[in-house]
Amino acid sequence: MKESINKVYTMLKDREINPRGKFDDKGRWYAENSDLLSVRSPSKAWPYSQMKACRTRKYVESVVAKYKCESLQELIDNV
């Protein structure tokens, strides 16, 4: 699983895949898995705070733990 975590982390970092979430009408991005993050809420000054946090190895590891991912594709689908 460590190889899958590293692969997904690299894919997120290189923008090959994007974390799940949505923009509000003011352009702030909110993560679908915000319960896994320990970061400030998006604001006018920091609209991508959660998106940036979703591109970390710590976040990918949290997704694996929450969804009990056993394959690379399952991990990608839940990021």
PDB file of N, CA and C in Angstrom:
ATOM      1  N   MET A   1       0.829  -1.200   0.000  1.00  0.00           N
ATOM      2  CA  MET A   1       0.000   0.000   0.000  1.00  0.00           C
ATOM      3  C   MET A   1       0.868   1.255   0.000  1.00  0.00           C
ATOM      4  N   LYS A   2       2.080   1.163   0.554  1.00  0.00           N
ATOM      5  CA  LYS A   2       2.963   2.330   0.604  1.00  0.00           C
ATOM      6  C   LYS A   2       3.260   2.854  -0.800  1.00  0.00           C
ATOM      7  N   GLU A   3       3.433   1.946  -1.758  1.00  0.00           N
ATOM      8  CA  GLU A   3       3.691   2.359  -3.143  1.00  0.00           C
ATOM      9  C   GLU A   3       2.485   3.104  -3.713  1.00  0.00           C
ATOM     10  N   SER A   4       1.292   2.648  -3.388  1.00  0.00           N
ATOM     11  CA  SER A   4       0.073   3.309  -3.865  1.00  0.00           C
ATOM     12  C   SER A   4      -0.059   4.700  -3.263  1.00  0.00           C
ATOM     13  N   ILE A   5       0.249   4.830  -1.978  1.00  0.00           N
ATOM     14  CA  ILE A   5       0.196   6.138  -1.317  1.00  0.00           C
ATOM     15  C   ILE A   5       1.165   7.092  -1.987  1.00  0.00           C
ATOM     16  N   ASN A   6       2.383   6.637  -2.236  1.00  0.00           N
ATOM     17  CA  ASN A   6       3.381   7.490  -2.891  1.00  0.00           C
ATOM     18  C   ASN A   6       2.953   7.867  -4.306  1.00  0.00           C
ATOM     19  N   LYS A   7       2.375   6.924  -5.033  1.00  0.00           N
ATOM     20  CA  LYS A   7       1.915   7.176  -6.400  1.00  0.00           C
ATOM     21  C   LYS A   7       0.809   8.218  -6.422  1.00  0.00           C
ATOM     22  N   VAL A   8      -0.185   8.065  -5.559  1.00  0.00           N
ATOM     23  CA  VAL A   8      -1.303   9.009  -5.515  1.00  0.00           C
ATOM     24  C   VAL A   8      -0.824  10.379  -5.037  1.00  0.00           C
ATOM     25  N   TYR A   9       0.053  10.417  -4.053  1.00  0.00           N
ATOM     26  CA  TYR A   9       0.615  11.685  -3.591  1.00  0.00           C
ATOM     27  C   TYR A   9       1.312  12.405  -4.745  1.00  0.00           C
ATOM     28  N   THR A  10       2.108  11.687  -5.511  1.00  0.00           N
ATOM     29  CA  THR A  10       2.814  12.279  -6.642  1.00  0.00           C
ATOM     30  C   THR A  10       1.834  12.755  -7.711  1.00  0.00           C
ATOM     31  N   MET A  11       0.804  11.970  -7.956  1.00  0.00           N
ATOM     32  CA  MET A  11      -0.207  12.358  -8.942  1.00  0.00           C
ATOM     33  C   MET A  11      -0.937  13.633  -8.511  1.00  0.00           C
ATOM     34  N   LEU A  12      -1.258  13.751  -7.233  1.00  0.00           N
ATOM     35  CA  LEU A  12      -1.902  14.970  -6.728  1.00  0.00           C
ATOM     36  C   LEU A  12      -0.963  16.164  -6.828  1.00  0.00           C
ATOM     37  N   LYS A  13       0.284  15.955  -6.437  1.00  0.00           N
ATOM     38  CA  LYS A  13       1.277  17.028  -6.456  1.00  0.00           C
ATOM     39  C   LYS A  13       1.521  17.533  -7.876  1.00  0.00           C
ATOM     40  N   ASP A  14       1.545  16.601  -8.840  1.00  0.00           N
ATOM     41  CA  ASP A  14       1.798  16.950 -10.239  1.00  0.00           C
ATOM     42  C   ASP A  14       0.522  17.327 -11.000  1.00  0.00           C
ATOM     43  N   ARG A  15      -0.604  17.385 -10.311  1.00  0.00           N
ATOM     44  CA  ARG A  15      -1.903  17.761 -10.871  1.00  0.00           C
ATOM     45  C   ARG A  15      -2.401  16.799 -11.940  1.00  0.00           C
ATOM     46  N   GLU A  16      -1.978  15.530 -11.860  1.00  0.00           N
ATOM     47  CA  GLU A  16      -2.496  14.508 -12.774  1.00  0.00           C
ATOM     48  C   GLU A  16      -3.914  14.123 -12.370  1.00  0.00           C
ATOM     49  N   ILE A  17      -4.199  14.164 -11.069  1.00  0.00           N
ATOM     50  CA  ILE A  17      -5.546  13.957 -10.541  1.00  0.00           C
ATOM     51  C   ILE A  17      -5.830  15.094  -9.568  1.00  0.00           C
ATOM     52  N   ASN A  18      -7.091  15.305  -9.284  1.00  0.00           N
ATOM     53  CA  ASN A  18      -7.495  16.357  -8.362  1.00  0.00           C
ATOM     54  C   ASN A  18      -8.314  15.768  -7.221  1.00  0.00           C
ATOM     55  N   PRO A  19      -8.169  16.343  -6.029  1.00  0.00           N
ATOM     56  CA  PRO A  19      -8.976  15.858  -4.910  1.00  0.00           C
ATOM     57  C   PRO A  19     -10.450  16.195  -5.131  1.00  0.00           C
ATOM     58  N   ARG A  20     -11.317  15.415  -4.480  1.00  0.00           N
ATOM     59  CA  ARG A  20     -12.751  15.655  -4.625  1.00  0.00           C
ATOM     60  C   ARG A  20     -13.154  16.857  -3.779  1.00  0.00           C
ATOM     61  N   GLY A  21     -13.974  17.703  -4.366  1.00  0.00           N
ATOM     62  CA  GLY A  21     -14.453  18.886  -3.679  1.00  0.00           C
ATOM     63  C   GLY A  21     -15.215  19.759  -4.654  1.00  0.00           C
ATOM     64  N   LYS A  22     -15.587  20.948  -4.198  1.00  0.00           N
ATOM     65  CA  LYS A  22     -16.343  21.850  -5.073  1.00  0.00           C
ATOM     66  C   LYS A  22     -16.054  23.301  -4.720  1.00  0.00           C
ATOM     67  N   PHE A  23     -16.307  24.158  -5.677  1.00  0.00           N
ATOM     68  CA  PHE A  23     -16.165  25.595  -5.502  1.00  0.00           C
ATOM     69  C   PHE A  23     -17.510  26.183  -5.105  1.00  0.00           C
ATOM     70  N   ASP A  24     -17.476  27.206  -4.277  1.00  0.00           N
ATOM     71  CA  ASP A  24     -18.717  27.927  -3.997  1.00  0.00           C
ATOM     72  C   ASP A  24     -18.812  29.098  -4.980  1.00  0.00           C
ATOM     73  N   ASP A  25     -19.849  29.917  -4.849  1.00  0.00           N
ATOM     74  CA  ASP A  25     -20.063  31.021  -5.790  1.00  0.00           C
ATOM     75  C   ASP A  25     -19.031  32.136  -5.654  1.00  0.00           C
ATOM     76  N   LYS A  26     -18.223  32.119  -4.607  1.00  0.00           N
ATOM     77  CA  LYS A  26     -17.187  33.130  -4.403  1.00  0.00           C
ATOM     78  C   LYS A  26     -15.801  32.630  -4.821  1.00  0.00           C
ATOM     79  N   GLY A  27     -15.727  31.404  -5.346  1.00  0.00           N
ATOM     80  CA  GLY A  27     -14.465  30.869  -5.820  1.00  0.00           C
ATOM     81  C   GLY A  27     -13.631  30.163  -4.762  1.00  0.00           C
ATOM     82  N   ARG A  28     -14.221  29.907  -3.600  1.00  0.00           N
ATOM     83  CA  ARG A  28     -13.501  29.162  -2.556  1.00  0.00           C
ATOM     84  C   ARG A  28     -13.738  27.678  -2.772  1.00  0.00           C
ATOM     85  N   TRP A  29     -12.689  26.875  -2.534  1.00  0.00           N
ATOM     86  CA  TRP A  29     -12.779  25.445  -2.776  1.00  0.00           C
ATOM     87  C   TRP A  29     -12.915  24.697  -1.458  1.00  0.00           C
ATOM     88  N   TYR A  30     -13.923  23.818  -1.367  1.00  0.00           N
ATOM     89  CA  TYR A  30     -14.199  23.030  -0.172  1.00  0.00           C
ATOM     90  C   TYR A  30     -14.009  21.549  -0.469  1.00  0.00           C
ATOM     91  N   ALA A  31     -13.216  20.878   0.351  1.00  0.00           N
ATOM     92  CA  ALA A  31     -12.931  19.455   0.175  1.00  0.00           C
ATOM     93  C   ALA A  31     -14.138  18.608   0.572  1.00  0.00           C
ATOM     94  N   GLU A  32     -14.353  17.535  -0.172  1.00  0.00           N
ATOM     95  CA  GLU A  32     -15.420  16.598   0.169  1.00  0.00           C
ATOM     96  C   GLU A  32     -15.079  15.855   1.461  1.00  0.00           C
ATOM     97  N   ASN A  33     -13.803  15.569   1.661  1.00  0.00           N
ATOM     98  CA  ASN A  33     -13.343  14.872   2.870  1.00  0.00           C
ATOM     99  C   ASN A  33     -12.742  15.858   3.868  1.00  0.00           C
ATOM    100  N   SER A  34     -13.405  16.954   4.123  1.00  0.00           N
ATOM    101  CA  SER A  34     -12.854  17.983   5.012  1.00  0.00           C
ATOM    102  C   SER A  34     -12.682  17.483   6.446  1.00  0.00           C
ATOM    103  N   ASP A  35     -13.381  16.397   6.810  1.00  0.00           N
ATOM    104  CA  ASP A  35     -13.228  15.836   8.147  1.00  0.00           C
ATOM    105  C   ASP A  35     -11.830  15.247   8.354  1.00  0.00           C
ATOM    106  N   LEU A  36     -11.101  14.996   7.273  1.00  0.00           N
ATOM    107  CA  LEU A  36      -9.748  14.442   7.376  1.00  0.00           C
ATOM    108  C   LEU A  36      -8.687  15.532   7.448  1.00  0.00           C
ATOM    109  N   LEU A  37      -9.101  16.783   7.348  1.00  0.00           N
ATOM    110  CA  LEU A  37      -8.154  17.894   7.302  1.00  0.00           C
ATOM    111  C   LEU A  37      -8.091  18.646   8.620  1.00  0.00           C
ATOM    112  N   SER A  38      -6.927  19.160   8.886  1.00  0.00           N
ATOM    113  CA  SER A  38      -6.731  20.028  10.036  1.00  0.00           C
ATOM    114  C   SER A  38      -6.137  21.332   9.502  1.00  0.00           C
ATOM    115  N   VAL A  39      -7.006  22.105   8.882  1.00  0.00           N
ATOM    116  CA  VAL A  39      -6.578  23.325   8.200  1.00  0.00           C
ATOM    117  C   VAL A  39      -7.707  24.343   8.260  1.00  0.00           C
ATOM    118  N   ARG A  40      -7.369  25.599   8.091  1.00  0.00           N
ATOM    119  CA  ARG A  40      -8.369  26.660   8.144  1.00  0.00           C
ATOM    120  C   ARG A  40      -9.410  26.492   7.053  1.00  0.00           C
ATOM    121  N   SER A  41     -10.580  27.024   7.273  1.00  0.00           N
ATOM    122  CA  SER A  41     -11.621  27.023   6.251  1.00  0.00           C
ATOM    123  C   SER A  41     -11.235  28.000   5.147  1.00  0.00           C
ATOM    124  N   PRO A  42     -11.662  27.726   3.923  1.00  0.00           N
ATOM    125  CA  PRO A  42     -11.366  28.660   2.842  1.00  0.00           C
ATOM    126  C   PRO A  42     -11.964  30.037   3.124  1.00  0.00           C
ATOM    127  N   SER A  43     -11.262  31.056   2.700  1.00  0.00           N
ATOM    128  CA  SER A  43     -11.719  32.430   2.886  1.00  0.00           C
ATOM    129  C   SER A  43     -11.365  33.234   1.643  1.00  0.00           C
ATOM    130  N   LYS A  44     -11.703  34.498   1.635  1.00  0.00           N
ATOM    131  CA  LYS A  44     -11.376  35.358   0.502  1.00  0.00           C
ATOM    132  C   LYS A  44      -9.864  35.419   0.299  1.00  0.00           C
ATOM    133  N   ALA A  45      -9.126  35.521   1.393  1.00  0.00           N
ATOM    134  CA  ALA A  45      -7.660  35.615   1.315  1.00  0.00           C
ATOM    135  C   ALA A  45      -7.002  34.271   1.006  1.00  0.00           C
ATOM    136  N   TRP A  46      -7.607  33.178   1.444  1.00  0.00           N
ATOM    137  CA  TRP A  46      -7.035  31.834   1.265  1.00  0.00           C
ATOM    138  C   TRP A  46      -8.096  30.893   0.680  1.00  0.00           C
ATOM    139  N   PRO A  47      -8.488  31.081  -0.579  1.00  0.00           N
ATOM    140  CA  PRO A  47      -9.585  30.278  -1.139  1.00  0.00           C
ATOM    141  C   PRO A  47      -9.231  28.811  -1.386  1.00  0.00           C
ATOM    142  N   TYR A  48      -7.948  28.474  -1.445  1.00  0.00           N
ATOM    143  CA  TYR A  48      -7.546  27.100  -1.754  1.00  0.00           C
ATOM    144  C   TYR A  48      -6.858  26.399  -0.585  1.00  0.00           C
ATOM    145  N   SER A  49      -7.112  26.825   0.632  1.00  0.00           N
ATOM    146  CA  SER A  49      -6.441  26.236   1.795  1.00  0.00           C
ATOM    147  C   SER A  49      -6.718  24.736   1.908  1.00  0.00           C
ATOM    148  N   GLN A  50      -7.951  24.329   1.695  1.00  0.00           N
ATOM    149  CA  GLN A  50      -8.277  22.906   1.782  1.00  0.00           C
ATOM    150  C   GLN A  50      -7.729  22.136   0.582  1.00  0.00           C
ATOM    151  N   MET A  51      -7.717  22.738  -0.599  1.00  0.00           N
ATOM    152  CA  MET A  51      -7.172  22.058  -1.771  1.00  0.00           C
ATOM    153  C   MET A  51      -5.684  21.768  -1.579  1.00  0.00           C
ATOM    154  N   LYS A  52      -4.975  22.744  -1.047  1.00  0.00           N
ATOM    155  CA  LYS A  52      -3.545  22.557  -0.800  1.00  0.00           C
ATOM    156  C   LYS A  52      -3.319  21.427   0.209  1.00  0.00           C
ATOM    157  N   ALA A  53      -4.135  21.385   1.242  1.00  0.00           N
ATOM    158  CA  ALA A  53      -4.011  20.336   2.260  1.00  0.00           C
ATOM    159  C   ALA A  53      -4.342  18.960   1.690  1.00  0.00           C
ATOM    160  N   CYS A  54      -5.217  18.911   0.687  1.00  0.00           N
ATOM    161  CA  CYS A  54      -5.591  17.634   0.070  1.00  0.00           C
ATOM    162  C   CYS A  54      -4.509  17.098  -0.861  1.00  0.00           C
ATOM    163  N   ARG A  55      -3.469  17.845  -1.076  1.00  0.00           N
ATOM    164  CA  ARG A  55      -2.382  17.395  -1.937  1.00  0.00           C
ATOM    165  C   ARG A  55      -1.162  16.959  -1.121  1.00  0.00           C
ATOM    166  N   THR A  56      -1.370  16.590   0.147  1.00  0.00           N
ATOM    167  CA  THR A  56      -0.280  16.155   1.012  1.00  0.00           C
ATOM    168  C   THR A  56      -0.306  14.646   1.218  1.00  0.00           C
ATOM    169  N   ARG A  57       0.829  14.107   1.576  1.00  0.00           N
ATOM    170  CA  ARG A  57       0.940  12.671   1.856  1.00  0.00           C
ATOM    171  C   ARG A  57       0.093  12.312   3.084  1.00  0.00           C
ATOM    172  N   LYS A  58       0.052  13.197   4.062  1.00  0.00           N
ATOM    173  CA  LYS A  58      -0.737  12.951   5.277  1.00  0.00           C
ATOM    174  C   LYS A  58      -2.216  12.768   4.933  1.00  0.00           C
ATOM    175  N   TYR A  59      -2.718  13.573   4.015  1.00  0.00           N
ATOM    176  CA  TYR A  59      -4.112  13.449   3.594  1.00  0.00           C
ATOM    177  C   TYR A  59      -4.357  12.108   2.893  1.00  0.00           C
ATOM    178  N   VAL A  60      -3.450  11.731   2.003  1.00  0.00           N
ATOM    179  CA  VAL A  60      -3.598  10.461   1.278  1.00  0.00           C
ATOM    180  C   VAL A  60      -3.614   9.296   2.265  1.00  0.00           C
ATOM    181  N   GLU A  61      -2.741   9.344   3.270  1.00  0.00           N
ATOM    182  CA  GLU A  61      -2.726   8.291   4.290  1.00  0.00           C
ATOM    183  C   GLU A  61      -4.034   8.265   5.073  1.00  0.00           C
ATOM    184  N   SER A  62      -4.607   9.440   5.333  1.00  0.00           N
ATOM    185  CA  SER A  62      -5.888   9.510   6.043  1.00  0.00           C
ATOM    186  C   SER A  62      -7.020   8.899   5.223  1.00  0.00           C
ATOM    187  N   VAL A  63      -6.985   9.112   3.912  1.00  0.00           N
ATOM    188  CA  VAL A  63      -7.998   8.529   3.025  1.00  0.00           C
ATOM    189  C   VAL A  63      -7.898   7.006   3.052  1.00  0.00           C
ATOM    190  N   VAL A  64      -6.686   6.491   3.008  1.00  0.00           N
ATOM    191  CA  VAL A  64      -6.484   5.035   3.071  1.00  0.00           C
ATOM    192  C   VAL A  64      -7.089   4.480   4.356  1.00  0.00           C
ATOM    193  N   ALA A  65      -6.824   5.145   5.473  1.00  0.00           N
ATOM    194  CA  ALA A  65      -7.330   4.673   6.759  1.00  0.00           C
ATOM    195  C   ALA A  65      -8.860   4.761   6.841  1.00  0.00           C
ATOM    196  N   LYS A  66      -9.433   5.859   6.359  1.00  0.00           N
ATOM    197  CA  LYS A  66     -10.885   6.054   6.468  1.00  0.00           C
ATOM    198  C   LYS A  66     -11.658   5.062   5.594  1.00  0.00           C
ATOM    199  N   TYR A  67     -11.216   4.893   4.354  1.00  0.00           N
ATOM    200  CA  TYR A  67     -11.953   4.055   3.408  1.00  0.00           C
ATOM    201  C   TYR A  67     -11.414   2.629   3.308  1.00  0.00           C
ATOM    202  N   LYS A  68     -10.349   2.335   4.072  1.00  0.00           N
ATOM    203  CA  LYS A  68      -9.740   1.000   4.073  1.00  0.00           C
ATOM    204  C   LYS A  68      -9.411   0.543   2.644  1.00  0.00           C
ATOM    205  N   CYS A  69      -8.758   1.432   1.904  1.00  0.00           N
ATOM    206  CA  CYS A  69      -8.400   1.176   0.510  1.00  0.00           C
ATOM    207  C   CYS A  69      -7.397   0.037   0.418  1.00  0.00           C
ATOM    208  N   GLU A  70      -7.622  -0.843  -0.547  1.00  0.00           N
ATOM    209  CA  GLU A  70      -6.733  -1.983  -0.740  1.00  0.00           C
ATOM    210  C   GLU A  70      -6.079  -2.000  -2.115  1.00  0.00           C
ATOM    211  N   SER A  71      -6.467  -1.078  -2.991  1.00  0.00           N
ATOM    212  CA  SER A  71      -5.865  -1.019  -4.314  1.00  0.00           C
ATOM    213  C   SER A  71      -5.628   0.434  -4.716  1.00  0.00           C
ATOM    214  N   LEU A  72      -4.786   0.615  -5.711  1.00  0.00           N
ATOM    215  CA  LEU A  72      -4.481   1.946  -6.210  1.00  0.00           C
ATOM    216  C   LEU A  72      -5.741   2.618  -6.744  1.00  0.00           C
ATOM    217  N   GLN A  73      -6.538   1.906  -7.531  1.00  0.00           N
ATOM    218  CA  GLN A  73      -7.739   2.494  -8.110  1.00  0.00           C
ATOM    219  C   GLN A  73      -8.733   2.884  -7.036  1.00  0.00           C
ATOM    220  N   GLU A  74      -8.875   2.074  -6.020  1.00  0.00           N
ATOM    221  CA  GLU A  74      -9.797   2.404  -4.917  1.00  0.00           C
ATOM    222  C   GLU A  74      -9.343   3.666  -4.206  1.00  0.00           C
ATOM    223  N   LEU A  75      -8.050   3.817  -4.025  1.00  0.00           N
ATOM    224  CA  LEU A  75      -7.505   5.017  -3.398  1.00  0.00           C
ATOM    225  C   LEU A  75      -7.757   6.244  -4.271  1.00  0.00           C
ATOM    226  N   ILE A  76      -7.488   6.128  -5.565  1.00  0.00           N
ATOM    227  CA  ILE A  76      -7.718   7.254  -6.487  1.00  0.00           C
ATOM    228  C   ILE A  76      -9.190   7.664  -6.473  1.00  0.00           C
ATOM    229  N   ASP A  77     -10.080   6.692  -6.441  1.00  0.00           N
ATOM    230  CA  ASP A  77     -11.518   6.992  -6.446  1.00  0.00           C
ATOM    231  C   ASP A  77     -11.973   7.720  -5.184  1.00  0.00           C
ATOM    232  N   ASN A  78     -11.273   7.530  -4.073  1.00  0.00           N
ATOM    233  CA  ASN A  78     -11.679   8.156  -2.804  1.00  0.00           C
ATOM    234  C   ASN A  78     -10.929   9.426  -2.454  1.00  0.00           C
ATOM    235  N   VAL A  79      -9.876   9.740  -3.194  1.00  0.00           N
ATOM    236  CA  VAL A  79      -9.125  10.973  -2.927  1.00  0.00           C
ATOM    237  C   VAL A  79     -10.001  12.085  -3.371  1.00  0.00           C
TER     238      VAL A  79
END
